[in-house]
Amino acid sequence: MSTRNATDVFSEWALIDRDEGMESGHAKSVNEMLNIVIPMLKKPFSAIDVGCGNGWVCRKLQAYENCSKVVGIDGSSEMIAKAKQKGTGEFHLSTLPGWKPSQKFDLIHSMEFLYYLKEPLEMLKILFNEWLEDRGVLIAGVDHYLENIASHDWPKSLNVHMTTLSEEQWKQGMINAGFIDVETRRVGIKSGFVGTLAIFGRKP
């Protein structure tokens, strides 16, 4: 049996309001990620959320006084429809890496997106070169990674492709893409969960 497109799965989830659970389940990790990255940004700053789902992180970013613009991009038509229903903002429906924004951003945020790609480390290079302003920051959170053993059966249980990389492979991928001051941290740790792997770095 061939694997399903992750975007189709997420559209089905949006139709049964499972996106609300994704939002609440990821909120702790995302809040910690934003607490890390917001102080690193120039003021005012522009931001894009890659794999924005129903737009909940975009709405969080819009609440920051120094945030001048927020854009969301997602490959799920139902998620983008929800994002437009739930708030104002600029949202784009497209699969990646086949889309490019019309401007560069000071912050690229991504939660639970990159590992669905066949070549996520190549996407890091595209984000660095084509999406990020000089001195801008990228922060990405992934729950499926080599050290999180509990996540290893997700590709089979969901029947979707996931690229399984180690913490060190993610970090080296950022460095290879050109980022400086690259760090990884575990965020959102709670009982029974080793934490989201947050990867972040700056463009010189």
Protein backbone atom coordinates (compact mmCIF):
# COMPACT_ATOMS: atom_id res chain seq x y z
CA MET A 1 0.00 0.00 0.00
CA SER A 2 1.36 3.39 -1.00
CA THR A 3 1.78 6.09 1.61
CA ARG A 4 -0.76 8.89 1.88
CA ASN A 5 -0.03 12.57 1.47
CA ALA A 6 0.26 14.15 4.89
CA THR A 7 -1.79 17.12 3.64
CA ASP A 8 -4.74 14.80 2.94
CA VAL A 9 -4.54 13.43 6.48
CA PHE A 10 -4.49 16.92 7.95
CA SER A 11 -7.47 18.00 5.85
CA GLU A 12 -9.42 15.06 7.25
CA TRP A 13 -8.36 16.04 10.76
CA ALA A 14 -9.50 19.62 10.19
CA LEU A 15 -12.94 18.38 9.14
CA ILE A 16 -13.36 16.54 12.46
CA ASP A 17 -11.83 19.43 14.47
CA ARG A 18 -8.75 17.42 15.37
CA ASP A 19 -6.75 20.56 14.61
CA GLU A 20 -7.98 21.92 17.95
CA GLY A 21 -6.23 19.05 19.72
CA MET A 22 -3.05 19.65 17.72
CA GLU A 23 -3.14 23.27 18.85
CA SER A 24 -3.55 22.45 22.53
CA GLY A 25 -1.07 19.57 22.36
CA HIS A 26 1.66 21.69 20.80
CA ALA A 27 0.99 24.93 22.69
CA LYS A 28 3.54 24.32 25.46
CA SER A 29 6.33 23.61 22.97
CA VAL A 30 5.45 26.56 20.75
CA ASN A 31 5.22 28.98 23.68
CA GLU A 32 8.70 27.95 24.78
CA MET A 33 10.01 28.27 21.22
CA LEU A 34 8.60 31.77 20.86
CA ASN A 35 10.08 32.74 24.23
CA ILE A 36 13.47 31.67 22.87
CA VAL A 37 13.25 33.40 19.52
CA ILE A 38 11.31 36.65 20.00
CA PRO A 39 14.11 38.33 22.02
CA MET A 40 16.54 37.46 19.19
CA LEU A 41 14.60 39.47 16.59
CA LYS A 42 14.97 43.06 15.46
CA LYS A 43 12.02 45.38 16.06
CA PRO A 44 9.65 45.52 14.30
CA PHE A 45 9.77 42.04 12.79
CA SER A 46 7.95 40.12 10.06
CA ALA A 47 7.16 36.42 10.40
CA ILE A 48 5.98 33.39 8.45
CA ASP A 49 4.64 30.15 9.91
CA VAL A 50 5.48 27.18 7.68
CA GLY A 51 2.89 24.43 8.05
CA CYS A 52 0.54 26.86 9.77
CA GLY A 53 -2.46 24.53 10.09
CA ASN A 54 -5.48 26.49 11.31
CA GLY A 55 -3.36 29.59 11.83
CA TRP A 56 -3.10 29.42 15.61
CA VAL A 57 0.61 30.33 15.74
CA CYS A 58 0.02 33.18 13.29
CA ARG A 59 -2.59 34.56 15.69
CA LYS A 60 -0.11 34.25 18.57
CA LEU A 61 2.50 36.16 16.58
CA GLN A 62 0.02 38.89 15.62
CA ALA A 63 -0.47 39.57 19.32
CA TYR A 64 3.16 40.69 19.72
CA GLU A 65 3.37 44.49 19.73
CA ASN A 66 6.49 44.50 17.53
CA CYS A 67 5.16 42.09 14.90
CA SER A 68 4.56 44.03 11.68
CA LYS A 69 3.37 41.21 9.40
CA VAL A 70 2.50 37.51 9.67
CA VAL A 71 2.01 35.06 6.82
CA GLY A 72 0.91 31.42 7.02
CA ILE A 73 1.54 28.65 4.48
CA ASP A 74 0.09 25.13 4.52
CA GLY A 75 -0.60 22.35 2.06
CA SER A 76 -3.97 21.35 3.55
CA SER A 77 -6.94 23.08 1.94
CA GLU A 78 -9.17 22.47 4.96
CA MET A 79 -6.57 23.83 7.39
CA ILE A 80 -6.14 27.01 5.33
CA ALA A 81 -9.92 27.41 5.15
CA LYS A 82 -10.05 27.23 8.94
CA ALA A 83 -7.16 29.69 9.28
CA LYS A 84 -9.06 32.22 7.18
CA GLN A 85 -12.24 31.66 9.20
CA LYS A 86 -10.55 32.07 12.56
CA GLY A 87 -8.66 35.30 12.01
CA THR A 88 -7.33 37.96 9.71
CA GLY A 89 -4.02 37.60 7.95
CA GLU A 90 -2.35 36.37 4.81
CA PHE A 91 -2.61 32.63 4.22
CA HIS A 92 -1.37 30.61 1.27
CA LEU A 93 -2.38 27.11 0.19
CA SER A 94 0.57 25.32 -1.38
CA THR A 95 2.80 22.30 -0.92
CA LEU A 96 6.50 22.76 -0.36
CA PRO A 97 9.13 23.12 -1.65
CA GLY A 98 7.16 24.26 -4.71
CA TRP A 99 6.20 27.73 -3.39
CA LYS A 100 8.19 30.86 -2.66
CA PRO A 101 7.04 33.95 -0.71
CA SER A 102 7.01 37.36 -2.36
CA GLN A 103 9.20 38.79 0.40
CA LYS A 104 11.76 37.64 2.96
CA PHE A 105 11.03 37.47 6.69
CA ASP A 106 12.81 38.20 9.97
CA LEU A 107 11.35 35.06 11.57
CA ILE A 108 10.56 31.69 10.06
CA HIS A 109 8.63 29.48 12.48
CA SER A 110 7.72 25.86 11.87
CA MET A 111 6.13 23.27 14.15
CA GLU A 112 5.71 19.65 13.08
CA PHE A 113 6.29 20.20 9.38
CA LEU A 114 9.83 19.56 8.18
CA TYR A 115 10.05 15.81 8.67
CA TYR A 116 7.11 15.18 6.33
CA LEU A 117 9.39 16.24 3.46
CA LYS A 118 11.53 13.72 1.58
CA GLU A 119 14.52 16.12 1.79
CA PRO A 120 14.00 18.33 4.85
CA LEU A 121 17.65 19.41 5.05
CA GLU A 122 17.41 20.71 1.48
CA MET A 123 14.35 22.71 2.57
CA LEU A 124 16.50 24.33 5.26
CA LYS A 125 18.80 25.61 2.51
CA ILE A 126 15.84 26.99 0.56
CA LEU A 127 14.47 28.73 3.66
CA PHE A 128 17.91 30.20 4.39
CA ASN A 129 18.55 31.46 0.87
CA GLU A 130 15.10 32.46 -0.37
CA TRP A 131 12.85 33.11 2.64
CA LEU A 132 14.96 34.63 5.42
CA GLU A 133 16.18 38.21 5.79
CA ASP A 134 19.80 38.87 6.76
CA ARG A 135 20.12 38.55 10.55
CA GLY A 136 16.77 36.77 10.56
CA VAL A 137 16.10 33.68 12.66
CA LEU A 138 14.58 30.29 11.88
CA ILE A 139 13.15 28.11 14.63
CA ALA A 140 11.63 24.71 13.89
CA GLY A 141 10.07 22.16 16.24
CA VAL A 142 9.90 18.45 15.47
CA ASP A 143 8.38 15.69 17.60
CA HIS A 144 9.44 12.88 15.25
CA TYR A 145 13.19 12.44 15.62
CA LEU A 146 15.60 9.60 16.29
CA GLU A 147 15.93 10.14 20.04
CA ASN A 148 12.14 10.18 20.54
CA ILE A 149 11.63 6.43 20.35
CA ALA A 150 7.89 6.77 20.94
CA SER A 151 7.59 8.53 17.55
CA HIS A 152 9.24 5.79 15.51
CA ASP A 153 5.97 4.01 14.68
CA TRP A 154 4.16 7.15 13.53
CA PRO A 155 4.95 6.73 9.79
CA LYS A 156 3.44 3.24 9.83
CA SER A 157 0.43 4.08 12.00
CA LEU A 158 -0.49 7.13 9.90
CA ASN A 159 0.73 5.62 6.60
CA VAL A 160 2.58 8.83 5.72
CA HIS A 161 6.22 9.50 4.88
CA MET A 162 8.38 10.86 7.69
CA THR A 163 12.13 11.48 7.53
CA THR A 164 13.74 10.30 10.77
CA LEU A 165 16.81 12.33 11.69
CA SER A 166 18.84 12.60 14.88
CA GLU A 167 19.31 15.78 16.90
CA GLU A 168 22.87 16.01 15.59
CA GLN A 169 21.73 15.55 11.97
CA TRP A 170 19.24 18.38 12.32
CA LYS A 171 21.88 20.62 13.87
CA GLN A 172 24.44 19.82 11.19
CA GLY A 173 21.80 20.37 8.52
CA MET A 174 21.27 23.90 9.82
CA ILE A 175 25.00 24.57 9.80
CA ASN A 176 25.35 23.15 6.29
CA ALA A 177 22.52 25.42 5.13
CA GLY A 178 24.50 28.45 6.29
CA PHE A 179 22.99 29.25 9.68
CA ILE A 180 25.16 30.53 12.52
CA ASP A 181 24.65 30.37 16.29
CA VAL A 182 22.81 27.07 15.74
CA GLU A 183 21.34 25.44 18.84
CA THR A 184 18.97 22.61 19.70
CA ARG A 185 16.83 22.37 22.80
CA ARG A 186 14.14 20.07 24.13
CA VAL A 187 10.97 22.05 24.84
CA GLY A 188 7.47 21.15 25.99
CA ILE A 189 8.72 18.29 28.16
CA LYS A 190 5.99 16.62 30.18
CA SER A 191 5.23 13.25 31.71
CA GLY A 192 5.67 10.52 29.12
CA PHE A 193 7.09 12.89 26.49
CA VAL A 194 10.81 13.51 25.98
CA GLY A 195 10.05 16.89 24.43
CA THR A 196 9.87 18.64 21.11
CA LEU A 197 13.26 19.07 19.48
CA ALA A 198 13.58 22.80 18.79
CA ILE A 199 16.25 23.70 16.23
CA PHE A 200 17.15 27.34 15.70
CA GLY A 201 19.81 29.51 14.11
CA ARG A 202 20.47 32.91 12.58
CA LYS A 203 21.30 34.10 9.06
CA PRO A 204 24.45 36.27 9.11
